[in-house]
Structures are given as C-alpha cells and as structure tokens.
Amino acid sequence: ALDLFHQQEEAPGMVFWHERGWRVYQLIQQYMADLWRDNGYREIRTPQLVDRSLWEQSGHWENFHENMFITESEKRHYAVKPMNCPCHIQVFNQGIKSYRDLPYRLAEFGSCHRNEASGALHGLMRVRGFVQDDAHIFCTEDQIQTEAVTFIDLLHKVYDDFGFKDLTYKLATRPANRIGADEVWDRAEGALAQSLD
C-alpha cells in the first residue's frame, strides 16, 4: 500500500524493492552501520557463493543442504550462502590473533538465501532471499557475560530508537544437533543466562 516493495511468482520469496522502500532500507542500514562502528564492530563483506567443502566443515551441508541453493561450476559444488557464520570465521582466521585482540567483533549486512518451502513463505517475514544484520563476537570464555550484557544494551538502544518498548527475552539453549563439549555449553549458557539477569 505504501509502494515500498513487491513480490511476484517469477522470484518466489524474493523482494523487489521500489524507490521509496529502498530509501527507507538504506537509511536503516546506515543507522546500523554507524552504530556498529561506534561500538567496536568491524563491518565486513563475505562471498555469496562458497565451495561445498566449507559448508561440510561447518556442518551445514550435512544438516541443512536440502534448504540450500546449490550450483556446480568446473566440477565443483557451491552453495549460495544461507548464513554468515562460516564466512565470518574465515575472516577471523586470517592472520595471527592474540588474546589481546579479543573481543573481536565482526558485522555484516549479509545477503543470504535459503530454499524455504513455498507454503512457508510469508510477506517479508519468511522469504528465500534476505539480508541479515548479522554479527559475531569472538571472545574468551571469561568475556562472554560482559560481551552479552554490552550487546543487550546495544539491542535496547536500537529497539528504543525504533519505538519498541515492551521486549520479551528468550534464551535459546543448546540444540540436540550441535558441536562442542557439554562442559563448554554449560559455561556459555550460564554466562548468557546471567547476562539476561
């Protein structure tokens, strides 16, 4: 009704941004980029198409490949990026890092694509192509609680600036299908729960 965007059958679950909508989108994106920079995040950009081997290494191929868009070129299989995490780890892994470099905060307006079932698609809430305002914080176990509290404060600022006052928090704990030792999960979940308290 506001002539901001439309969707159509030739690109299911994808968004065609109109001029006015794209202007709003860019203003919000610039607001977030400035906020990231002011709060110690390093804005990066990672590839859209990544070799299958990285998705196998991260575990995404085994667990989620049916929801990934896959293509082949020169006898290699690639997936269109469904999430940013493995690529952010690749950026962090470049060069030598010291514990003095931590926390190391990376952020990206990561363009992602997921092969969602057509029956699950719904407006802008459930789509196949989207941009995640996404960040990863690399830190020591001792820094988890402080980083989580700092992030929650930042989250409150964003929500407050956009007029959202009544917030509900839910702590997502370890999934059944996961990597890492239970002792590490125990400590990390404990620090996150204390952050919310």
C-alpha atoms as a PDB file:
ATOM      1  CA  ALA A   1       0.000   0.000   0.000  1.00  0.00           C
ATOM      2  CA  LEU A   2       2.952   2.348   0.620  1.00  0.00           C
ATOM      3  CA  ASP A   3       4.633   1.354  -2.680  1.00  0.00           C
ATOM      4  CA  LEU A   4       7.774   0.198  -0.824  1.00  0.00           C
ATOM      5  CA  PHE A   5       8.236  -3.242  -2.417  1.00  0.00           C
ATOM      6  CA  HIS A   6       6.522  -6.106  -4.150  1.00  0.00           C
ATOM      7  CA  GLN A   7       6.927  -9.833  -4.676  1.00  0.00           C
ATOM      8  CA  GLN A   8       5.958 -11.912  -7.683  1.00  0.00           C
ATOM      9  CA  GLU A   9       5.786 -15.536  -8.784  1.00  0.00           C
ATOM     10  CA  GLU A  10       8.850 -15.368 -11.073  1.00  0.00           C
ATOM     11  CA  ALA A  11      11.048 -14.899  -7.968  1.00  0.00           C
ATOM     12  CA  PRO A  12       9.212 -16.653  -5.104  1.00  0.00           C
ATOM     13  CA  GLY A  13      10.237 -15.466  -1.676  1.00  0.00           C
ATOM     14  CA  MET A  14      12.342 -12.628  -3.112  1.00  0.00           C
ATOM     15  CA  VAL A  15      11.754  -8.902  -2.745  1.00  0.00           C
ATOM     16  CA  PHE A  16      11.654  -6.222  -5.452  1.00  0.00           C
ATOM     17  CA  TRP A  17      12.429  -3.001  -3.551  1.00  0.00           C
ATOM     18  CA  HIS A  18      10.810   0.115  -5.004  1.00  0.00           C
ATOM     19  CA  GLU A  19      12.449   3.540  -4.795  1.00  0.00           C
ATOM     20  CA  ARG A  20      10.749   4.674  -1.582  1.00  0.00           C
ATOM     21  CA  GLY A  21      11.254   1.316   0.108  1.00  0.00           C
ATOM     22  CA  TRP A  22      14.895   1.189  -0.915  1.00  0.00           C
ATOM     23  CA  ARG A  23      15.410   4.662   0.547  1.00  0.00           C
ATOM     24  CA  VAL A  24      13.976   3.524   3.905  1.00  0.00           C
ATOM     25  CA  TYR A  25      16.061   0.337   3.722  1.00  0.00           C
ATOM     26  CA  GLN A  26      19.261   2.316   3.104  1.00  0.00           C
ATOM     27  CA  LEU A  27      18.546   4.732   5.967  1.00  0.00           C
ATOM     28  CA  ILE A  28      18.096   1.835   8.392  1.00  0.00           C
ATOM     29  CA  GLN A  29      21.222   0.140   7.070  1.00  0.00           C
ATOM     30  CA  GLN A  30      23.283   3.314   7.510  1.00  0.00           C
ATOM     31  CA  TYR A  31      21.911   3.775  11.028  1.00  0.00           C
ATOM     32  CA  MET A  32      23.081   0.251  11.918  1.00  0.00           C
ATOM     33  CA  ALA A  33      26.487   0.628  10.212  1.00  0.00           C
ATOM     34  CA  ASP A  34      27.171   3.801  12.207  1.00  0.00           C
ATOM     35  CA  LEU A  35      26.054   2.098  15.419  1.00  0.00           C
ATOM     36  CA  TRP A  36      28.318  -0.896  14.751  1.00  0.00           C
ATOM     37  CA  ARG A  37      31.310   1.331  14.126  1.00  0.00           C
ATOM     38  CA  ASP A  38      30.629   3.368  17.274  1.00  0.00           C
ATOM     39  CA  ASN A  39      30.512   0.138  19.295  1.00  0.00           C
ATOM     40  CA  GLY A  40      33.697  -1.522  18.105  1.00  0.00           C
ATOM     41  CA  TYR A  41      32.359  -3.738  15.322  1.00  0.00           C
ATOM     42  CA  ARG A  42      34.330  -4.175  12.096  1.00  0.00           C
ATOM     43  CA  GLU A  43      31.999  -4.162   9.112  1.00  0.00           C
ATOM     44  CA  ILE A  44      32.933  -6.777   6.516  1.00  0.00           C
ATOM     45  CA  ARG A  45      31.519  -8.366   3.350  1.00  0.00           C
ATOM     46  CA  THR A  46      31.797 -12.064   2.507  1.00  0.00           C
ATOM     47  CA  PRO A  47      31.118 -14.041  -0.705  1.00  0.00           C
ATOM     48  CA  GLN A  48      27.678 -15.124  -1.859  1.00  0.00           C
ATOM     49  CA  LEU A  49      28.842 -18.398  -3.374  1.00  0.00           C
ATOM     50  CA  VAL A  50      31.070 -20.698  -1.316  1.00  0.00           C
ATOM     51  CA  ASP A  51      32.526 -24.135  -2.068  1.00  0.00           C
ATOM     52  CA  ARG A  52      30.770 -27.155  -0.586  1.00  0.00           C
ATOM     53  CA  SER A  53      33.887 -28.020   1.448  1.00  0.00           C
ATOM     54  CA  LEU A  54      33.386 -25.036   3.776  1.00  0.00           C
ATOM     55  CA  TRP A  55      29.746 -25.995   4.383  1.00  0.00           C
ATOM     56  CA  GLU A  56      30.840 -29.580   5.093  1.00  0.00           C
ATOM     57  CA  GLN A  57      33.477 -28.340   7.551  1.00  0.00           C
ATOM     58  CA  SER A  58      30.910 -26.178   9.374  1.00  0.00           C
ATOM     59  CA  GLY A  59      28.315 -28.977   9.477  1.00  0.00           C
ATOM     60  CA  HIS A  60      25.751 -27.026   7.458  1.00  0.00           C
ATOM     61  CA  TRP A  61      25.956 -29.362   4.453  1.00  0.00           C
ATOM     62  CA  GLU A  62      25.091 -32.457   6.482  1.00  0.00           C
ATOM     63  CA  ASN A  63      22.305 -30.784   8.439  1.00  0.00           C
ATOM     64  CA  PHE A  64      20.804 -28.198   6.098  1.00  0.00           C
ATOM     65  CA  HIS A  65      21.802 -28.872   2.464  1.00  0.00           C
ATOM     66  CA  GLU A  66      18.173 -29.568   1.487  1.00  0.00           C
ATOM     67  CA  ASN A  67      17.472 -25.892   2.317  1.00  0.00           C
ATOM     68  CA  MET A  68      20.490 -24.560   0.403  1.00  0.00           C
ATOM     69  CA  PHE A  69      20.584 -23.375  -3.201  1.00  0.00           C
ATOM     70  CA  ILE A  70      23.329 -25.448  -4.833  1.00  0.00           C
ATOM     71  CA  THR A  71      25.120 -24.975  -8.118  1.00  0.00           C
ATOM     72  CA  GLU A  72      28.078 -26.510  -9.948  1.00  0.00           C
ATOM     73  CA  SER A  73      30.926 -24.925 -11.887  1.00  0.00           C
ATOM     74  CA  GLU A  74      34.079 -26.530 -13.254  1.00  0.00           C
ATOM     75  CA  LYS A  75      33.235 -29.807 -11.495  1.00  0.00           C
ATOM     76  CA  ARG A  76      32.985 -28.135  -8.082  1.00  0.00           C
ATOM     77  CA  HIS A  77      29.821 -27.825  -5.990  1.00  0.00           C
ATOM     78  CA  TYR A  78      28.941 -24.493  -4.419  1.00  0.00           C
ATOM     79  CA  ALA A  79      26.140 -23.279  -2.192  1.00  0.00           C
ATOM     80  CA  VAL A  80      24.639 -19.824  -2.164  1.00  0.00           C
ATOM     81  CA  LYS A  81      25.293 -18.525   1.350  1.00  0.00           C
ATOM     82  CA  PRO A  82      22.363 -19.418   3.673  1.00  0.00           C
ATOM     83  CA  MET A  83      24.038 -17.819   6.707  1.00  0.00           C
ATOM     84  CA  ASN A  84      27.138 -15.787   7.501  1.00  0.00           C
ATOM     85  CA  CYS A  85      28.764 -17.696  10.387  1.00  0.00           C
ATOM     86  CA  PRO A  86      31.280 -19.880   8.471  1.00  0.00           C
ATOM     87  CA  CYS A  87      32.427 -16.925   6.361  1.00  0.00           C
ATOM     88  CA  HIS A  88      32.933 -14.727   9.423  1.00  0.00           C
ATOM     89  CA  ILE A  89      35.104 -17.446  10.920  1.00  0.00           C
ATOM     90  CA  GLN A  90      37.204 -17.386   7.732  1.00  0.00           C
ATOM     91  CA  VAL A  91      37.754 -13.628   8.159  1.00  0.00           C
ATOM     92  CA  PHE A  92      38.672 -14.083  11.824  1.00  0.00           C
ATOM     93  CA  ASN A  93      41.097 -16.892  10.918  1.00  0.00           C
ATOM     94  CA  GLN A  94      43.119 -14.657   8.595  1.00  0.00           C
ATOM     95  CA  GLY A  95      46.366 -13.512  10.138  1.00  0.00           C
ATOM     96  CA  ILE A  96      47.612 -14.067  13.651  1.00  0.00           C
ATOM     97  CA  LYS A  97      45.389 -13.096  16.569  1.00  0.00           C
ATOM     98  CA  SER A  98      46.407 -12.691  20.189  1.00  0.00           C
ATOM     99  CA  TYR A  99      44.171 -12.890  23.238  1.00  0.00           C
ATOM    100  CA  ARG A 100      44.829  -9.141  23.418  1.00  0.00           C
ATOM    101  CA  ASP A 101      42.827  -8.766  20.174  1.00  0.00           C
ATOM    102  CA  LEU A 102      39.727 -10.137  21.898  1.00  0.00           C
ATOM    103  CA  PRO A 103      36.919  -9.393  21.891  1.00  0.00           C
ATOM    104  CA  TYR A 104      36.959  -9.233  18.096  1.00  0.00           C
ATOM    105  CA  ARG A 105      33.599  -8.101  16.717  1.00  0.00           C
ATOM    106  CA  LEU A 106      32.642  -8.655  13.066  1.00  0.00           C
ATOM    107  CA  ALA A 107      29.408  -7.444  11.481  1.00  0.00           C
ATOM    108  CA  GLU A 108      27.896  -7.761   8.031  1.00  0.00           C
ATOM    109  CA  PHE A 109      24.759  -6.947   6.135  1.00  0.00           C
ATOM    110  CA  GLY A 110      24.965 -10.490   4.831  1.00  0.00           C
ATOM    111  CA  SER A 111      22.830 -11.332   1.849  1.00  0.00           C
ATOM    112  CA  CYS A 112      21.584 -14.887   2.404  1.00  0.00           C
ATOM    113  CA  HIS A 113      19.367 -17.315   0.513  1.00  0.00           C
ATOM    114  CA  ARG A 114      17.502 -20.326   1.853  1.00  0.00           C
ATOM    115  CA  ASN A 115      15.365 -22.729  -0.135  1.00  0.00           C
ATOM    116  CA  GLU A 116      12.301 -22.413   2.087  1.00  0.00           C
ATOM    117  CA  ALA A 117       9.206 -24.418   1.170  1.00  0.00           C
ATOM    118  CA  SER A 118       6.823 -22.336  -0.941  1.00  0.00           C
ATOM    119  CA  GLY A 119       3.994 -22.920   1.555  1.00  0.00           C
ATOM    120  CA  ALA A 120       6.082 -21.372   4.343  1.00  0.00           C
ATOM    121  CA  LEU A 121       6.743 -18.086   2.506  1.00  0.00           C
ATOM    122  CA  HIS A 122       5.019 -15.099   4.104  1.00  0.00           C
ATOM    123  CA  GLY A 123       5.493 -11.410   3.220  1.00  0.00           C
ATOM    124  CA  LEU A 124       8.816 -10.044   4.482  1.00  0.00           C
ATOM    125  CA  MET A 125       8.867 -12.370   7.499  1.00  0.00           C
ATOM    126  CA  ARG A 126       9.562 -15.684   5.704  1.00  0.00           C
ATOM    127  CA  VAL A 127      11.425 -15.298   2.425  1.00  0.00           C
ATOM    128  CA  ARG A 128      14.081 -17.084   0.365  1.00  0.00           C
ATOM    129  CA  GLY A 129      16.361 -14.082  -0.124  1.00  0.00           C
ATOM    130  CA  PHE A 130      17.117 -11.723   2.762  1.00  0.00           C
ATOM    131  CA  VAL A 131      19.813  -9.609   4.361  1.00  0.00           C
ATOM    132  CA  GLN A 132      20.854 -10.387   7.918  1.00  0.00           C
ATOM    133  CA  ASP A 133      22.054  -7.541  10.095  1.00  0.00           C
ATOM    134  CA  ASP A 134      24.444 -10.112  11.496  1.00  0.00           C
ATOM    135  CA  ALA A 135      27.406 -10.031  13.853  1.00  0.00           C
ATOM    136  CA  HIS A 136      29.745 -12.468  15.539  1.00  0.00           C
ATOM    137  CA  ILE A 137      31.804 -11.756  18.623  1.00  0.00           C
ATOM    138  CA  PHE A 138      34.982 -13.763  19.087  1.00  0.00           C
ATOM    139  CA  CYS A 139      35.956 -13.667  22.762  1.00  0.00           C
ATOM    140  CA  THR A 140      37.338 -15.679  25.638  1.00  0.00           C
ATOM    141  CA  GLU A 141      35.003 -17.608  27.920  1.00  0.00           C
ATOM    142  CA  ASP A 142      35.686 -15.009  30.610  1.00  0.00           C
ATOM    143  CA  GLN A 143      34.413 -12.266  28.277  1.00  0.00           C
ATOM    144  CA  ILE A 144      31.101 -13.925  27.324  1.00  0.00           C
ATOM    145  CA  GLN A 145      28.963 -12.353  30.047  1.00  0.00           C
ATOM    146  CA  THR A 146      30.400  -8.844  29.612  1.00  0.00           C
ATOM    147  CA  GLU A 147      30.022  -9.022  25.825  1.00  0.00           C
ATOM    148  CA  ALA A 148      26.454 -10.316  26.128  1.00  0.00           C
ATOM    149  CA  VAL A 149      25.491  -7.501  28.539  1.00  0.00           C
ATOM    150  CA  THR A 150      27.097  -4.924  26.231  1.00  0.00           C
ATOM    151  CA  PHE A 151      25.215  -6.375  23.271  1.00  0.00           C
ATOM    152  CA  ILE A 152      21.894  -6.364  25.153  1.00  0.00           C
ATOM    153  CA  ASP A 153      22.428  -2.673  25.954  1.00  0.00           C
ATOM    154  CA  LEU A 154      23.042  -2.036  22.253  1.00  0.00           C
ATOM    155  CA  LEU A 155      19.925  -4.017  21.371  1.00  0.00           C
ATOM    156  CA  HIS A 156      17.881  -1.877  23.783  1.00  0.00           C
ATOM    157  CA  LYS A 157      19.166   1.283  22.090  1.00  0.00           C
ATOM    158  CA  VAL A 158      18.127   0.038  18.653  1.00  0.00           C
ATOM    159  CA  TYR A 159      14.692  -1.088  19.788  1.00  0.00           C
ATOM    160  CA  ASP A 160      14.173   2.138  21.723  1.00  0.00           C
ATOM    161  CA  ASP A 161      15.184   4.257  18.708  1.00  0.00           C
ATOM    162  CA  PHE A 162      12.554   2.427  16.645  1.00  0.00           C
ATOM    163  CA  GLY A 163       9.870   2.787  19.308  1.00  0.00           C
ATOM    164  CA  PHE A 164       9.772  -0.775  20.651  1.00  0.00           C
ATOM    165  CA  LYS A 165       9.377  -0.621  24.433  1.00  0.00           C
ATOM    166  CA  ASP A 166       7.877  -3.924  25.578  1.00  0.00           C
ATOM    167  CA  LEU A 167      10.557  -6.572  24.996  1.00  0.00           C
ATOM    168  CA  THR A 168      10.442 -10.271  25.783  1.00  0.00           C
ATOM    169  CA  TYR A 169      13.676 -12.268  26.063  1.00  0.00           C
ATOM    170  CA  LYS A 170      14.081 -15.960  25.401  1.00  0.00           C
ATOM    171  CA  LEU A 171      17.363 -17.768  25.924  1.00  0.00           C
ATOM    172  CA  ALA A 172      17.945 -20.366  23.221  1.00  0.00           C
ATOM    173  CA  THR A 173      19.930 -23.212  24.740  1.00  0.00           C
ATOM    174  CA  ARG A 174      21.909 -25.990  23.090  1.00  0.00           C
ATOM    175  CA  PRO A 175      20.152 -27.772  20.261  1.00  0.00           C
ATOM    176  CA  ALA A 176      20.045 -31.552  20.078  1.00  0.00           C
ATOM    177  CA  ASN A 177      22.234 -31.433  16.967  1.00  0.00           C
ATOM    178  CA  ARG A 178      25.380 -29.499  17.970  1.00  0.00           C
ATOM    179  CA  ILE A 179      29.146 -29.494  18.140  1.00  0.00           C
ATOM    180  CA  GLY A 180      31.322 -28.821  21.175  1.00  0.00           C
ATOM    181  CA  ALA A 181      31.653 -30.379  24.615  1.00  0.00           C
ATOM    182  CA  ASP A 182      28.739 -30.202  27.044  1.00  0.00           C
ATOM    183  CA  GLU A 183      31.010 -28.566  29.662  1.00  0.00           C
ATOM    184  CA  VAL A 184      31.685 -25.668  27.286  1.00  0.00           C
ATOM    185  CA  TRP A 185      27.959 -25.367  26.546  1.00  0.00           C
ATOM    186  CA  ASP A 186      27.254 -25.351  30.304  1.00  0.00           C
ATOM    187  CA  ARG A 187      29.635 -22.450  30.903  1.00  0.00           C
ATOM    188  CA  ALA A 188      28.483 -20.450  27.869  1.00  0.00           C
ATOM    189  CA  GLU A 189      24.778 -20.913  28.625  1.00  0.00           C
ATOM    190  CA  GLY A 190      25.388 -19.981  32.259  1.00  0.00           C
ATOM    191  CA  ALA A 191      27.129 -16.751  31.241  1.00  0.00           C
ATOM    192  CA  LEU A 192      24.323 -15.881  28.814  1.00  0.00           C
ATOM    193  CA  ALA A 193      21.624 -16.565  31.447  1.00  0.00           C
ATOM    194  CA  GLN A 194      23.465 -14.347  33.941  1.00  0.00           C
ATOM    195  CA  SER A 195      23.650 -11.622  31.287  1.00  0.00           C
ATOM    196  CA  LEU A 196      19.885 -11.619  30.953  1.00  0.00           C
ATOM    197  CA  ASP A 197      19.502 -11.473  34.737  1.00  0.00           C
END
